[in-house]
Amino acid sequence: MTAFIAKLVTKPEKSKKFEELQMELRELTHEKEPDAYIYELFQSQDDSNTYFCIASFKDKQAFDHHMSIDFHDRIVPPLLDCLAQDMELTMCSAIGPEKSKIKNN
């Protein structure tokens, strides 16, 4: 399993648009990518303009598919325009066998 954690800081006036785009991306990811196990957005409790996107995939191939799927290419450019600074992206690998209780619906 492979995953990423992205720290995203928005321009204050663009936070609502950012959330709308992220929710669309989340819904499409869950709907159209069976090998995307988790795709969720969290808002910092300390700074309302700071978000963390956490996603996990069956393997690197599933992540690569996510990065190249048509709706990703459509949604991400305007999403990045909402940011006040460059996204911080950390790629991660699972340790041990998968034990997640989260199931795609």
N, C-alpha and C. Protein backbone atom coordinates (compact mmCIF):
# COMPACT_ATOMS: atom_id res chain seq x y z
N MET A 1 0.85 -1.17 0.00
CA MET A 1 0.00 0.00 0.00
C MET A 1 0.90 1.24 0.00
N THR A 2 0.47 2.24 -0.75
CA THR A 2 1.17 3.52 -0.79
C THR A 2 0.19 4.62 -0.41
N ALA A 3 0.71 5.70 0.13
CA ALA A 3 -0.16 6.78 0.59
C ALA A 3 0.55 8.12 0.46
N PHE A 4 -0.24 9.17 0.58
CA PHE A 4 0.37 10.49 0.69
C PHE A 4 -0.37 11.31 1.73
N ILE A 5 0.37 12.25 2.28
CA ILE A 5 -0.19 13.28 3.16
C ILE A 5 0.22 14.60 2.54
N ALA A 6 -0.77 15.42 2.21
CA ALA A 6 -0.49 16.71 1.60
C ALA A 6 -0.93 17.82 2.55
N LYS A 7 -0.04 18.75 2.81
CA LYS A 7 -0.39 19.94 3.57
C LYS A 7 -0.67 21.05 2.57
N LEU A 8 -1.86 21.64 2.69
CA LEU A 8 -2.31 22.65 1.74
C LEU A 8 -2.77 23.88 2.50
N VAL A 9 -2.17 25.02 2.22
CA VAL A 9 -2.54 26.28 2.87
C VAL A 9 -3.20 27.17 1.81
N THR A 10 -4.45 27.54 2.08
CA THR A 10 -5.20 28.30 1.09
C THR A 10 -5.13 29.80 1.34
N LYS A 11 -5.39 30.55 0.28
CA LYS A 11 -5.64 31.98 0.41
C LYS A 11 -6.99 32.10 1.13
N PRO A 12 -7.10 32.97 2.13
CA PRO A 12 -8.35 33.04 2.90
C PRO A 12 -9.60 33.22 2.03
N GLU A 13 -9.49 34.02 1.00
CA GLU A 13 -10.65 34.28 0.14
C GLU A 13 -10.96 33.12 -0.80
N LYS A 14 -10.09 32.11 -0.84
CA LYS A 14 -10.29 30.97 -1.74
C LYS A 14 -10.60 29.67 -0.99
N SER A 15 -10.73 29.73 0.32
CA SER A 15 -10.94 28.50 1.10
C SER A 15 -12.22 27.77 0.72
N LYS A 16 -13.31 28.50 0.53
CA LYS A 16 -14.58 27.85 0.18
C LYS A 16 -14.47 27.15 -1.17
N LYS A 17 -13.90 27.82 -2.16
CA LYS A 17 -13.73 27.22 -3.49
C LYS A 17 -12.83 25.99 -3.39
N PHE A 18 -11.77 26.09 -2.61
CA PHE A 18 -10.86 24.97 -2.40
C PHE A 18 -11.61 23.76 -1.84
N GLU A 19 -12.42 23.99 -0.81
CA GLU A 19 -13.18 22.89 -0.20
C GLU A 19 -14.15 22.26 -1.21
N GLU A 20 -14.81 23.08 -2.01
CA GLU A 20 -15.73 22.56 -3.03
C GLU A 20 -14.99 21.66 -4.02
N LEU A 21 -13.85 22.12 -4.50
CA LEU A 21 -13.06 21.33 -5.45
C LEU A 21 -12.56 20.04 -4.82
N GLN A 22 -12.10 20.12 -3.59
CA GLN A 22 -11.61 18.92 -2.90
C GLN A 22 -12.73 17.92 -2.68
N MET A 23 -13.92 18.40 -2.34
CA MET A 23 -15.04 17.47 -2.13
C MET A 23 -15.43 16.79 -3.43
N GLU A 24 -15.37 17.52 -4.54
CA GLU A 24 -15.64 16.90 -5.84
C GLU A 24 -14.58 15.85 -6.16
N LEU A 25 -13.32 16.19 -5.91
CA LEU A 25 -12.23 15.25 -6.15
C LEU A 25 -12.38 14.01 -5.27
N ARG A 26 -12.74 14.22 -4.02
CA ARG A 26 -12.94 13.09 -3.10
C ARG A 26 -14.06 12.17 -3.59
N GLU A 27 -15.20 12.76 -3.94
CA GLU A 27 -16.34 11.95 -4.39
C GLU A 27 -15.99 11.14 -5.63
N LEU A 28 -15.36 11.77 -6.60
CA LEU A 28 -15.00 11.07 -7.84
C LEU A 28 -13.95 10.00 -7.58
N THR A 29 -13.01 10.28 -6.69
CA THR A 29 -11.99 9.29 -6.36
C THR A 29 -12.63 8.06 -5.74
N HIS A 30 -13.51 8.26 -4.78
CA HIS A 30 -14.18 7.11 -4.14
C HIS A 30 -15.09 6.37 -5.12
N GLU A 31 -15.72 7.10 -6.02
CA GLU A 31 -16.66 6.50 -6.97
C GLU A 31 -15.97 5.73 -8.09
N LYS A 32 -14.86 6.25 -8.59
CA LYS A 32 -14.28 5.72 -9.82
C LYS A 32 -12.94 5.00 -9.65
N GLU A 33 -12.40 4.99 -8.43
CA GLU A 33 -11.10 4.36 -8.22
C GLU A 33 -11.20 3.33 -7.09
N PRO A 34 -11.51 2.08 -7.44
CA PRO A 34 -11.66 1.05 -6.40
C PRO A 34 -10.38 0.77 -5.62
N ASP A 35 -9.23 1.09 -6.20
CA ASP A 35 -7.96 0.84 -5.51
C ASP A 35 -7.48 2.05 -4.71
N ALA A 36 -8.33 3.08 -4.62
CA ALA A 36 -8.08 4.20 -3.71
C ALA A 36 -8.85 3.89 -2.44
N TYR A 37 -8.14 3.55 -1.38
CA TYR A 37 -8.78 3.12 -0.14
C TYR A 37 -9.29 4.29 0.69
N ILE A 38 -8.47 5.31 0.79
CA ILE A 38 -8.81 6.49 1.60
C ILE A 38 -8.52 7.73 0.76
N TYR A 39 -9.41 8.68 0.77
CA TYR A 39 -9.15 10.00 0.21
C TYR A 39 -10.00 10.97 1.03
N GLU A 40 -9.38 11.65 1.96
CA GLU A 40 -10.11 12.52 2.88
C GLU A 40 -9.37 13.84 3.08
N LEU A 41 -10.13 14.87 3.34
CA LEU A 41 -9.59 16.19 3.61
C LEU A 41 -9.90 16.57 5.05
N PHE A 42 -8.89 17.09 5.74
CA PHE A 42 -9.03 17.52 7.12
C PHE A 42 -8.61 18.98 7.22
N GLN A 43 -9.31 19.74 8.06
CA GLN A 43 -8.96 21.14 8.29
C GLN A 43 -8.27 21.26 9.64
N SER A 44 -7.20 22.02 9.68
CA SER A 44 -6.47 22.24 10.92
C SER A 44 -7.37 22.92 11.95
N GLN A 45 -7.27 22.49 13.19
CA GLN A 45 -8.00 23.14 14.27
C GLN A 45 -7.30 24.41 14.74
N ASP A 46 -6.05 24.60 14.30
CA ASP A 46 -5.27 25.77 14.69
C ASP A 46 -5.31 26.90 13.67
N ASP A 47 -5.55 26.56 12.40
CA ASP A 47 -5.53 27.54 11.32
C ASP A 47 -6.55 27.11 10.27
N SER A 48 -7.63 27.84 10.15
CA SER A 48 -8.72 27.43 9.25
C SER A 48 -8.34 27.45 7.78
N ASN A 49 -7.20 28.03 7.43
CA ASN A 49 -6.74 28.02 6.04
C ASN A 49 -5.76 26.89 5.75
N THR A 50 -5.49 26.05 6.72
CA THR A 50 -4.57 24.93 6.54
C THR A 50 -5.35 23.63 6.53
N TYR A 51 -5.08 22.83 5.51
CA TYR A 51 -5.77 21.55 5.31
C TYR A 51 -4.74 20.45 5.12
N PHE A 52 -5.18 19.24 5.40
CA PHE A 52 -4.36 18.05 5.16
C PHE A 52 -5.21 17.07 4.37
N CYS A 53 -4.69 16.65 3.24
CA CYS A 53 -5.34 15.63 2.43
C CYS A 53 -4.57 14.33 2.68
N ILE A 54 -5.30 13.30 3.06
CA ILE A 54 -4.70 12.00 3.34
C ILE A 54 -5.33 11.00 2.39
N ALA A 55 -4.49 10.28 1.66
CA ALA A 55 -4.99 9.30 0.70
C ALA A 55 -4.13 8.06 0.74
N SER A 56 -4.77 6.91 0.56
CA SER A 56 -4.01 5.66 0.45
C SER A 56 -4.55 4.85 -0.72
N PHE A 57 -3.64 4.10 -1.32
CA PHE A 57 -3.94 3.34 -2.53
C PHE A 57 -3.39 1.93 -2.39
N LYS A 58 -3.98 1.01 -3.13
CA LYS A 58 -3.56 -0.39 -3.10
C LYS A 58 -2.06 -0.54 -3.33
N ASP A 59 -1.54 0.23 -4.29
CA ASP A 59 -0.12 0.15 -4.65
C ASP A 59 0.25 1.39 -5.46
N LYS A 60 1.51 1.47 -5.88
CA LYS A 60 1.97 2.63 -6.64
C LYS A 60 1.23 2.75 -7.96
N GLN A 61 0.91 1.63 -8.57
CA GLN A 61 0.17 1.66 -9.84
C GLN A 61 -1.19 2.35 -9.65
N ALA A 62 -1.87 2.06 -8.55
CA ALA A 62 -3.16 2.71 -8.26
C ALA A 62 -2.97 4.21 -8.02
N PHE A 63 -1.89 4.59 -7.34
CA PHE A 63 -1.58 6.01 -7.15
C PHE A 63 -1.31 6.68 -8.49
N ASP A 64 -0.51 6.04 -9.34
CA ASP A 64 -0.21 6.60 -10.66
C ASP A 64 -1.49 6.77 -11.48
N HIS A 65 -2.39 5.80 -11.37
CA HIS A 65 -3.69 5.90 -12.05
C HIS A 65 -4.45 7.12 -11.54
N HIS A 66 -4.47 7.32 -10.25
CA HIS A 66 -5.14 8.48 -9.64
C HIS A 66 -4.58 9.78 -10.21
N MET A 67 -3.28 9.85 -10.33
CA MET A 67 -2.63 11.07 -10.79
C MET A 67 -2.91 11.36 -12.27
N SER A 68 -3.30 10.35 -13.03
CA SER A 68 -3.49 10.55 -14.47
C SER A 68 -4.95 10.47 -14.92
N ILE A 69 -5.85 10.21 -14.00
CA ILE A 69 -7.26 10.07 -14.39
C ILE A 69 -7.83 11.42 -14.84
N ASP A 70 -8.78 11.40 -15.77
CA ASP A 70 -9.26 12.63 -16.40
C ASP A 70 -9.77 13.68 -15.41
N PHE A 71 -10.55 13.29 -14.44
CA PHE A 71 -11.10 14.29 -13.52
C PHE A 71 -10.02 14.92 -12.64
N HIS A 72 -8.95 14.19 -12.35
CA HIS A 72 -7.84 14.75 -11.58
C HIS A 72 -7.21 15.90 -12.37
N ASP A 73 -6.99 15.67 -13.65
CA ASP A 73 -6.39 16.70 -14.51
C ASP A 73 -7.29 17.92 -14.65
N ARG A 74 -8.59 17.74 -14.53
CA ARG A 74 -9.54 18.85 -14.64
C ARG A 74 -9.64 19.65 -13.33
N ILE A 75 -9.62 18.96 -12.20
CA ILE A 75 -9.89 19.60 -10.90
C ILE A 75 -8.64 20.20 -10.26
N VAL A 76 -7.51 19.56 -10.41
CA VAL A 76 -6.32 19.98 -9.66
C VAL A 76 -5.80 21.37 -10.04
N PRO A 77 -5.71 21.76 -11.32
CA PRO A 77 -5.19 23.11 -11.60
C PRO A 77 -5.96 24.24 -10.90
N PRO A 78 -7.31 24.29 -10.96
CA PRO A 78 -7.98 25.36 -10.21
C PRO A 78 -7.85 25.21 -8.70
N LEU A 79 -7.71 23.98 -8.24
CA LEU A 79 -7.50 23.73 -6.81
C LEU A 79 -6.16 24.35 -6.37
N LEU A 80 -5.13 24.14 -7.17
CA LEU A 80 -3.81 24.70 -6.84
C LEU A 80 -3.81 26.22 -6.88
N ASP A 81 -4.68 26.81 -7.71
CA ASP A 81 -4.79 28.27 -7.76
C ASP A 81 -5.33 28.85 -6.45
N CYS A 82 -5.95 28.02 -5.63
CA CYS A 82 -6.49 28.47 -4.34
C CYS A 82 -5.43 28.53 -3.25
N LEU A 83 -4.25 28.00 -3.52
CA LEU A 83 -3.22 27.89 -2.48
C LEU A 83 -2.43 29.17 -2.30
N ALA A 84 -2.07 29.46 -1.06
CA ALA A 84 -1.25 30.61 -0.71
C ALA A 84 0.23 30.30 -0.81
N GLN A 85 0.57 29.01 -0.81
CA GLN A 85 1.96 28.57 -0.90
C GLN A 85 1.98 27.19 -1.54
N ASP A 86 3.17 26.74 -1.90
CA ASP A 86 3.30 25.42 -2.51
C ASP A 86 2.82 24.33 -1.56
N MET A 87 2.18 23.34 -2.13
CA MET A 87 1.73 22.18 -1.36
C MET A 87 2.94 21.42 -0.85
N GLU A 88 2.85 20.93 0.37
CA GLU A 88 3.87 20.04 0.93
C GLU A 88 3.33 18.62 0.82
N LEU A 89 4.02 17.78 0.05
CA LEU A 89 3.55 16.42 -0.20
C LEU A 89 4.56 15.42 0.36
N THR A 90 4.07 14.50 1.19
CA THR A 90 4.90 13.43 1.73
C THR A 90 4.32 12.10 1.28
N MET A 91 5.13 11.33 0.58
CA MET A 91 4.72 9.98 0.16
C MET A 91 5.08 9.01 1.27
N CYS A 92 4.23 8.00 1.47
CA CYS A 92 4.40 7.05 2.56
C CYS A 92 4.16 5.63 2.06
N SER A 93 4.77 4.67 2.74
CA SER A 93 4.54 3.26 2.49
C SER A 93 4.02 2.62 3.76
N ALA A 94 3.11 1.67 3.60
CA ALA A 94 2.55 0.98 4.76
C ALA A 94 3.59 0.06 5.38
N ILE A 95 3.53 -0.07 6.68
CA ILE A 95 4.37 -1.01 7.42
C ILE A 95 3.47 -2.18 7.81
N GLY A 96 3.82 -3.36 7.38
CA GLY A 96 3.02 -4.54 7.71
C GLY A 96 1.78 -4.65 6.83
N PRO A 97 0.97 -5.69 7.07
CA PRO A 97 -0.23 -5.91 6.26
C PRO A 97 -1.31 -4.88 6.58
N GLU A 98 -2.18 -4.64 5.61
CA GLU A 98 -3.26 -3.68 5.77
C GLU A 98 -4.21 -4.12 6.88
N LYS A 99 -4.59 -3.18 7.73
CA LYS A 99 -5.52 -3.46 8.83
C LYS A 99 -6.63 -2.42 8.90
N SER A 100 -6.80 -1.63 7.87
CA SER A 100 -7.80 -0.56 7.89
C SER A 100 -9.21 -1.10 8.05
N LYS A 101 -10.01 -0.40 8.84
CA LYS A 101 -11.42 -0.74 9.00
C LYS A 101 -12.28 0.11 8.08
N ILE A 102 -11.65 1.03 7.36
CA ILE A 102 -12.38 1.91 6.45
C ILE A 102 -12.65 1.14 5.17
N LYS A 103 -13.88 1.18 4.73
CA LYS A 103 -14.29 0.51 3.49
C LYS A 103 -14.85 1.55 2.54
N ASN A 104 -14.52 1.43 1.25
CA ASN A 104 -15.11 2.31 0.24
C ASN A 104 -16.60 2.02 0.11
N ASN A 105 -17.39 3.06 -0.01
CA ASN A 105 -18.83 2.90 -0.22
C ASN A 105 -19.19 3.33 -1.62
